[in-house]
Every structure is written in structure tokens, then in C-alpha cells.
Protein backbone atom coordinates (compact mmCIF):
# COMPACT_ATOMS: atom_id res chain seq x y z
CA MET A 1 -0.32 -22.84 10.28
CA LYS A 2 2.73 -22.15 12.44
CA LYS A 3 4.99 -22.96 9.51
CA LYS A 4 3.04 -20.61 7.28
CA LYS A 5 3.22 -17.78 9.80
CA LEU A 6 6.98 -18.30 10.15
CA MET A 7 7.45 -18.11 6.40
CA LEU A 8 5.45 -14.89 6.20
CA THR A 9 7.39 -13.34 9.06
CA LEU A 10 10.75 -14.23 7.54
CA GLY A 11 9.60 -12.99 4.16
CA LEU A 12 8.50 -9.71 5.69
CA ALA A 13 11.88 -9.14 7.33
CA ALA A 14 13.48 -9.12 3.89
CA ALA A 15 10.58 -7.47 2.11
CA LEU A 16 10.46 -4.48 4.46
CA LEU A 17 13.90 -3.53 3.22
CA VAL A 18 12.57 -3.65 -0.32
CA VAL A 19 9.62 -1.39 0.44
CA ALA A 20 11.84 0.94 2.43
CA GLY A 21 14.28 1.40 -0.45
CA CYS A 22 17.38 2.80 1.21
CA SER A 23 16.66 1.38 4.66
CA THR A 24 19.35 -0.56 6.52
CA ASN A 25 17.51 -1.55 9.69
CA GLN A 26 14.82 -4.21 9.87
CA THR A 27 11.46 -3.57 11.50
CA THR A 28 10.27 -6.55 13.50
CA THR A 29 6.77 -7.96 13.34
CA SER A 30 6.34 -7.55 17.08
CA SER A 31 7.21 -3.86 17.06
CA THR A 32 4.87 -3.30 14.12
CA LYS A 33 1.98 -4.97 15.91
CA ALA A 34 2.71 -2.90 18.99
CA SER A 35 2.55 0.28 16.90
CA THR A 36 -0.71 -0.86 15.34
CA ALA A 37 -2.26 -1.64 18.70
CA GLU A 38 -1.22 1.76 20.01
CA SER A 39 -2.60 3.63 17.01
CA THR A 40 -5.93 1.79 16.99
CA THR A 41 -6.71 1.63 20.69
CA GLU A 42 -5.12 4.68 22.26
CA SER A 43 -8.44 6.54 22.29
CA SER A 44 -10.49 3.52 23.39
CA VAL A 45 -12.25 3.54 20.05
CA ASP A 46 -14.85 0.88 19.29
CA LEU A 47 -13.08 -0.52 16.25
CA ASN A 48 -16.14 -2.43 15.11
CA ALA A 49 -18.15 0.79 14.89
CA LEU A 50 -15.72 2.43 12.46
CA GLU A 51 -16.46 2.94 8.79
CA LEU A 52 -14.08 0.75 6.77
CA PRO A 53 -14.09 2.19 3.24
CA GLN A 54 -11.73 -0.42 1.78
CA LEU A 55 -14.35 -3.13 2.16
CA THR A 56 -16.72 -1.76 -0.50
CA ASN A 57 -16.15 -1.13 -4.20
CA GLU A 58 -18.53 1.81 -4.15
CA VAL A 59 -16.85 5.21 -4.49
CA ALA A 60 -18.33 7.69 -2.04
CA ALA A 61 -18.57 11.44 -2.60
CA ASN A 62 -15.71 12.01 -0.15
CA GLU A 63 -13.42 9.63 -2.07
CA SER A 64 -11.46 10.01 -5.29
CA LEU A 65 -11.09 7.49 -8.11
CA VAL A 66 -8.17 7.00 -10.48
CA GLU A 67 -7.58 4.68 -13.42
CA MET A 68 -4.02 3.40 -13.73
CA THR A 69 -3.26 2.10 -17.20
CA THR A 70 -0.27 -0.24 -17.24
CA SER A 71 1.42 -2.29 -19.95
CA GLU A 72 -0.36 -5.31 -18.43
CA GLY A 73 -3.84 -3.84 -18.14
CA THR A 74 -5.94 -1.30 -16.25
CA ILE A 75 -6.36 -0.91 -12.49
CA LYS A 76 -8.99 1.26 -10.83
CA ILE A 77 -8.18 2.56 -7.36
CA LYS A 78 -10.24 4.64 -4.97
CA LEU A 79 -8.44 7.06 -2.66
CA PHE A 80 -9.25 8.29 0.84
CA PRO A 81 -8.39 12.01 1.19
CA GLU A 82 -10.12 12.43 4.55
CA LEU A 83 -8.07 9.64 6.14
CA ALA A 84 -4.71 10.18 4.40
CA PRO A 85 -4.89 13.76 3.06
CA LYS A 86 -1.22 14.36 2.29
CA ALA A 87 -0.65 11.03 0.59
CA VAL A 88 -3.75 11.47 -1.58
CA GLU A 89 -2.94 15.08 -2.49
CA ASN A 90 0.60 14.05 -3.39
CA PHE A 91 -0.50 11.08 -5.52
CA MET A 92 -3.35 12.95 -7.24
CA THR A 93 -1.15 15.96 -8.09
CA HIS A 94 1.60 13.74 -9.47
CA ALA A 95 -1.01 11.83 -11.50
CA LYS A 96 -2.50 15.03 -12.97
CA ASP A 97 0.96 16.35 -13.82
CA GLY A 98 1.90 13.13 -15.62
CA TYR A 99 4.72 12.47 -13.17
CA TYR A 100 4.05 8.72 -13.15
CA ASP A 101 3.55 8.35 -16.91
CA GLY A 102 6.10 5.96 -18.37
CA LEU A 103 7.56 4.89 -15.02
CA THR A 104 7.99 1.22 -14.20
CA PHE A 105 7.05 -1.14 -11.43
CA HIS A 106 10.68 -1.41 -10.42
CA ARG A 107 10.20 -3.94 -7.60
CA VAL A 108 7.88 -6.90 -7.83
CA ILE A 109 7.67 -9.59 -5.16
CA LYS A 110 5.15 -12.34 -5.78
CA ASP A 111 2.86 -12.96 -2.79
CA PHE A 112 3.80 -9.58 -1.32
CA MET A 113 3.48 -6.42 -3.42
CA ILE A 114 4.25 -4.51 -6.61
CA GLN A 115 6.07 -1.18 -6.22
CA GLY A 116 6.40 1.81 -8.54
CA GLY A 117 6.58 5.59 -8.69
CA ASP A 118 10.37 6.06 -8.91
CA PRO A 119 11.68 8.13 -11.86
CA LYS A 120 15.09 6.48 -11.42
CA GLY A 121 13.55 3.04 -11.64
CA ASP A 122 15.77 1.55 -8.97
CA GLY A 123 14.03 2.41 -5.69
CA THR A 124 16.29 5.31 -4.78
CA GLY A 125 14.52 8.22 -6.46
CA GLY A 126 11.37 10.28 -6.54
CA GLU A 127 10.09 13.14 -4.44
CA SER A 128 6.84 14.51 -3.11
CA ILE A 129 5.04 17.49 -4.62
CA TRP A 130 6.50 19.57 -1.78
CA GLY A 131 10.08 18.69 -2.71
CA GLU A 132 10.71 16.96 0.59
CA GLY A 133 9.49 13.91 2.47
CA PHE A 134 6.22 14.05 4.37
CA GLU A 135 4.99 12.21 7.42
CA THR A 136 3.40 8.78 7.58
CA GLU A 137 -0.37 8.96 8.05
CA VAL A 138 -1.88 6.07 10.01
CA SER A 139 -5.63 5.52 10.37
CA ASN A 140 -7.50 2.84 12.30
CA GLN A 141 -9.90 2.75 9.34
CA LEU A 142 -7.28 1.68 6.77
CA TYR A 143 -5.21 -1.52 6.63
CA ASN A 144 -2.77 -3.35 4.38
CA ILE A 145 -5.30 -5.87 3.13
CA ARG A 146 -5.01 -7.36 -0.36
CA GLY A 147 -5.36 -4.55 -2.90
CA ALA A 148 -4.33 -1.75 -0.53
CA LEU A 149 -2.40 1.15 -2.07
CA SER A 150 0.28 2.33 0.36
CA MET A 151 3.21 4.74 0.40
CA ALA A 152 6.73 3.33 0.26
CA ARG A 153 9.39 5.05 2.35
CA SER A 154 12.68 4.58 4.17
CA GLN A 155 12.90 3.86 7.90
CA ASP A 156 12.34 7.59 8.49
CA PRO A 157 8.56 8.01 8.97
CA ASN A 158 8.84 11.48 7.39
CA SER A 159 10.39 10.23 4.14
CA ASN A 160 7.30 9.59 2.00
CA GLY A 161 7.95 10.82 -1.52
CA SER A 162 6.51 9.52 -4.78
CA GLN A 163 6.93 5.76 -4.47
CA PHE A 164 3.97 3.53 -3.69
CA PHE A 165 3.09 -0.15 -3.58
CA ILE A 166 -0.02 -2.28 -4.03
CA VAL A 167 -0.37 -5.23 -1.64
CA GLN A 168 -0.79 -8.41 -3.71
CA ASN A 169 -0.52 -11.34 -1.28
CA SER A 170 -3.60 -13.59 -1.41
CA ASP A 171 -2.77 -16.02 1.41
CA ASP A 172 -4.95 -16.29 4.51
CA VAL A 173 -3.03 -14.23 7.08
CA HIS A 174 -5.73 -13.57 9.66
CA ASP A 175 -4.38 -16.09 12.19
CA GLY A 176 -3.02 -14.33 15.26
CA LEU A 177 -4.79 -11.01 14.70
CA LEU A 178 -6.43 -9.86 17.91
CA LYS A 179 -9.94 -8.47 18.11
CA ASP A 180 -8.65 -5.78 20.46
CA ASP A 181 -6.31 -4.54 17.70
CA TYR A 182 -8.42 -5.01 14.58
CA PRO A 183 -12.07 -4.62 13.55
CA ARG A 184 -13.69 -8.02 13.03
CA ALA A 185 -14.41 -7.18 9.39
CA ILE A 186 -10.73 -6.44 8.75
CA ILE A 187 -9.68 -9.72 10.36
CA ASP A 188 -12.09 -11.40 7.96
CA ALA A 189 -10.64 -9.42 5.05
CA TYR A 190 -7.16 -10.68 5.91
CA LYS A 191 -8.44 -14.19 5.21
CA ASN A 192 -8.29 -13.15 1.56
CA GLY A 193 -4.73 -11.83 1.77
CA GLY A 194 -2.66 -8.84 2.74
CA TYR A 195 0.22 -7.99 5.04
CA PRO A 196 -0.98 -6.98 8.53
CA SER A 197 2.59 -6.64 9.78
CA LEU A 198 2.82 -3.42 7.75
CA ASP A 199 -0.09 -1.84 9.60
CA GLY A 200 0.90 1.18 11.64
CA GLN A 201 4.13 1.61 9.68
CA TYR A 202 3.13 2.64 6.16
CA THR A 203 0.43 5.01 4.91
CA VAL A 204 -2.52 3.22 3.34
CA PHE A 205 -4.30 5.76 1.14
CA GLY A 206 -6.21 3.77 -1.47
CA GLN A 207 -7.77 0.45 -2.44
CA VAL A 208 -7.97 -1.39 -5.75
CA ILE A 209 -11.63 -1.84 -6.69
CA GLU A 210 -11.11 -3.22 -10.19
CA GLY A 211 -8.13 -4.88 -11.83
CA MET A 212 -6.66 -7.09 -9.11
CA ASP A 213 -6.19 -9.65 -11.87
CA VAL A 214 -3.79 -7.15 -13.45
CA VAL A 215 -1.95 -6.71 -10.14
CA ASP A 216 -1.65 -10.51 -9.89
CA LYS A 217 -0.41 -10.67 -13.49
CA ILE A 218 2.30 -8.13 -12.75
CA ALA A 219 3.27 -10.04 -9.61
CA GLN A 220 3.89 -13.11 -11.75
CA VAL A 221 6.49 -11.55 -14.06
CA GLU A 222 10.05 -12.80 -14.08
CA THR A 223 12.42 -10.74 -11.92
CA ASP A 224 16.16 -10.57 -11.31
CA SER A 225 18.01 -10.95 -8.00
CA ASN A 226 16.98 -7.39 -7.02
CA ASP A 227 13.26 -8.11 -7.62
CA LYS A 228 13.30 -5.91 -10.72
CA PRO A 229 11.25 -7.26 -13.65
CA THR A 230 13.51 -8.53 -16.44
CA THR A 231 11.06 -6.96 -18.90
CA ASP A 232 9.76 -3.51 -17.99
CA VAL A 233 6.21 -3.29 -16.67
CA LYS A 234 5.20 0.32 -17.23
CA ILE A 235 2.63 2.73 -15.87
CA GLU A 236 1.39 4.30 -19.08
CA SER A 237 -0.86 6.86 -17.41
CA ILE A 238 -2.94 7.59 -14.33
CA LYS A 239 -6.24 9.30 -15.10
CA VAL A 240 -8.40 10.97 -12.45
CA LEU A 241 -11.99 9.78 -12.88
CA GLN A 242 -13.48 11.39 -9.77
CA GLU A 243 -12.27 13.95 -7.27
CA ALA A 244 -13.60 13.94 -3.74
CA GLU A 245 -16.10 16.64 -2.88
CA THR A 246 -14.70 19.21 -0.51
CA LYS A 247 -16.61 20.32 2.55
């Protein structure tokens, strides 16, 4: 297990730069865990009493649902506007406007994530619906478990734009997660995969509820030295199937 944890930590050090795009400074696992602990326990919240919407495939009235059609198949994702309002508004508006149609998954790292949403197709482009970066939204109800939809950004926490990634790793990564930092149900969920070292650093705003086999298929494609698929994997369209009810 120690060897496995070391491999995941080393992989993360490199992978964080990939998710960050133009970042030049690495974020350590220890600092990430510290941020997570601070965000989840600063108000002395009973973590095990929290609603954890990622753990059910049901789509509640206060959640939205989108269908992402890719060249490899269809993925259904529910979104959490009450917990990550800016990220969801940004993604939903881009989807309705056709912003993502025809774009590629420009970075694919097997056993980590698949990343898309960049009109330039190289990880350096894209912008939010406001024309400037927006802040990272962290919730103690959302985590980077397998199938999580999260915002990609640079090291600047206010640099979220249009790029996103879906966590694909399926290894058991729950070892070392503390019950004081995580709900028990989330620790159990990490037995099925994910990347807890990203918690507290990147905005989780959705969860795949159907089509993880498609995500896995995309993660298996051949890539070059920059983790770009040698054959384009495209987002053909993103259709809104349900919009959250407003209060």
C-alpha cells in the first residue's frame, strides 16, 4: 500500500501541472490536505450529517442534468448549482450557447482524468461567460471521487474559465483519509477511485451518473508526450436535460 500511495503522490505532482494548464509551481499533497481539512472543519460541521449528492444517481429538483455526446459515446452528468453556483452557471450557459460543441478532450491521462473545454485545444485557451476568471468554489459536500466533474484552472484560484475535467481513476485511494477531514461515506467512495489530493483546490460542480464506461474508454486512447490524444476525441454537443428549480 505504501508503494501505491507513493506512486499516486508522484503522479499527482506531475498531473497537477496538466490540470492547471499554464501553472509553473507544484501543489504538494500535504498542503492540499491541509486546505481540505480547513475547508471542511472550520465551522465544526458534523461531516457525516451532510447531504452528499454525488453518491446517488437520482437527480433532485435542485440539480441540473446534462447529456454530453462525444465521439466515443454519451455521458450524463448532474450538476450542483446550490453548492457551486458560478461553475454551474458558467458550464450550463456555455453548453446552451454551443461553446463546447466540436471541442476536443485535449488532455487525457489514464488513471487520472480526461480534460476538455478549450477552444484552442492545447490547454491554454478558453474563458468564462463573464470574460474573466472566476473564483474556486469549495464545498464540504463535494469531492473529487471517481466520476466527479471539476473545473480546471491555473495556480491562481480565481482563474476558472471554460476548461473542465472528469476524474477517471478507479484505484482504491481511501487509505490515509482521516475521518475528521472526510465524511465516512466519501472515504468509502474513494475505495472505488478518485483523487482526494485535489480536494480543496479545484471546484467540483458535477458528477457522472451514466456513461463512466465512455469516460474509461476515452482514458484508454493513445496519447502523445503532451498527453494529447493522437486521434481527436470530440465533444459533439452538450444538451441540457433538466434545469434546477429556482427558489
